[in-house]
Protein backbone atom coordinates (compact mmCIF):
# COMPACT_ATOMS: atom_id res chain seq x y z
CA MET A 1 5.67 14.61 -17.05
CA SER A 2 3.58 11.47 -16.74
CA SER A 3 -0.10 11.63 -15.91
CA GLU A 4 0.55 9.73 -12.65
CA ILE A 5 2.83 12.49 -11.40
CA LYS A 6 0.35 15.19 -12.39
CA GLU A 7 -2.46 13.38 -10.57
CA ASN A 8 -0.38 13.10 -7.40
CA LYS A 9 0.24 16.87 -7.17
CA GLU A 10 -2.93 17.27 -5.09
CA ALA A 11 -2.26 18.01 -1.44
CA THR A 12 -1.97 14.71 0.36
CA LYS A 13 -1.41 14.14 4.03
CA PRO A 14 2.15 12.96 4.78
CA ILE A 15 2.42 9.23 5.39
CA THR A 16 3.81 9.83 8.88
CA LEU A 17 0.62 11.66 9.85
CA LEU A 18 -1.57 9.04 8.18
CA ARG A 19 0.29 6.39 10.19
CA GLU A 20 -0.28 8.35 13.39
CA ASP A 21 -4.00 8.65 12.59
CA LEU A 22 -4.22 4.91 11.94
CA ILE A 23 -2.52 4.05 15.22
CA SER A 24 -4.87 6.36 17.10
CA ALA A 25 -7.94 4.90 15.38
CA ILE A 26 -6.85 1.33 16.10
CA ALA A 27 -6.10 2.13 19.75
CA LYS A 28 -9.47 3.85 20.12
CA ALA A 29 -11.31 0.90 18.55
CA ILE A 30 -9.50 -1.55 20.83
CA ASN A 31 -10.18 0.50 23.94
CA GLU A 32 -13.85 1.00 23.07
CA SER A 33 -14.37 -2.69 22.25
CA LYS A 34 -14.07 -3.66 25.92
CA LEU A 35 -12.90 -7.09 24.78
CA PRO A 36 -10.35 -9.04 26.81
CA ALA A 37 -6.75 -9.00 25.62
CA PHE A 38 -6.78 -12.63 24.44
CA VAL A 39 -9.69 -11.88 22.06
CA ILE A 40 -8.01 -8.71 20.76
CA GLU A 41 -4.79 -10.64 20.22
CA GLY A 42 -6.55 -13.17 17.99
CA VAL A 43 -8.33 -10.45 16.04
CA LEU A 44 -5.07 -8.57 15.48
CA LYS A 45 -3.27 -11.74 14.36
CA ASP A 46 -6.01 -12.37 11.79
CA PHE A 47 -5.88 -8.75 10.73
CA ILE A 48 -2.10 -8.81 10.32
CA TYR A 49 -2.37 -11.97 8.22
CA GLU A 50 -4.88 -10.27 5.90
CA VAL A 51 -2.67 -7.17 5.66
CA HIS A 52 0.28 -9.41 4.80
CA ILE A 53 -1.68 -11.07 1.99
CA ALA A 54 -2.73 -7.67 0.62
CA SER A 55 0.87 -6.47 0.84
CA GLN A 56 2.10 -9.48 -1.12
CA ARG A 57 -0.55 -8.89 -3.80
CA GLN A 58 0.50 -5.25 -4.07
CA LEU A 59 4.14 -6.27 -4.36
CA GLU A 60 3.32 -8.65 -7.20
CA ALA A 61 1.19 -6.03 -8.96
CA ASP A 62 3.97 -3.44 -8.62
CA ARG A 63 6.55 -5.94 -9.88
CA GLN A 64 4.39 -6.73 -12.93
CA LYS A 65 3.77 -3.05 -13.62
CA TRP A 66 7.51 -2.35 -13.42
CA GLN A 67 8.29 -5.23 -15.78
CA ASP A 68 5.69 -3.87 -18.22
CA VAL A 69 7.35 -0.44 -18.11
CA LEU A 70 10.79 -1.97 -18.73
CA THR A 71 9.45 -4.06 -21.60
CA GLU A 72 7.83 -1.00 -23.17
CA GLU A 73 11.06 0.99 -22.82
CA ARG A 74 13.01 -1.80 -24.53
CA LYS A 75 10.49 -1.85 -27.38
CA ASP A 76 10.80 1.93 -27.76
CA LYS A 77 14.60 1.68 -27.89
CA VAL A 78 14.45 -0.98 -30.59
CA ILE A 79 12.00 1.07 -32.64
CA ASN A 80 14.14 4.22 -32.26
CA GLN A 81 17.28 2.33 -33.33
CA GLN A 82 15.68 1.22 -36.60
């Protein structure tokens, strides 16, 4: 068992509940801001753009990590065949 799997055995809140908490927190922040809708819209557009950039970075990091794993597995197969 890899160390990543062992580390993730701690009790973590299900993603569906985390999502629900996030939605509630965002709605509360918006309601408490007392800003007009056109200001909130601009803020949310900027926020979504930043989230998109972070998502793309994570995708690239995950892709690179996966390629590294595949490369290492290929190396191990070659070594084991010798």
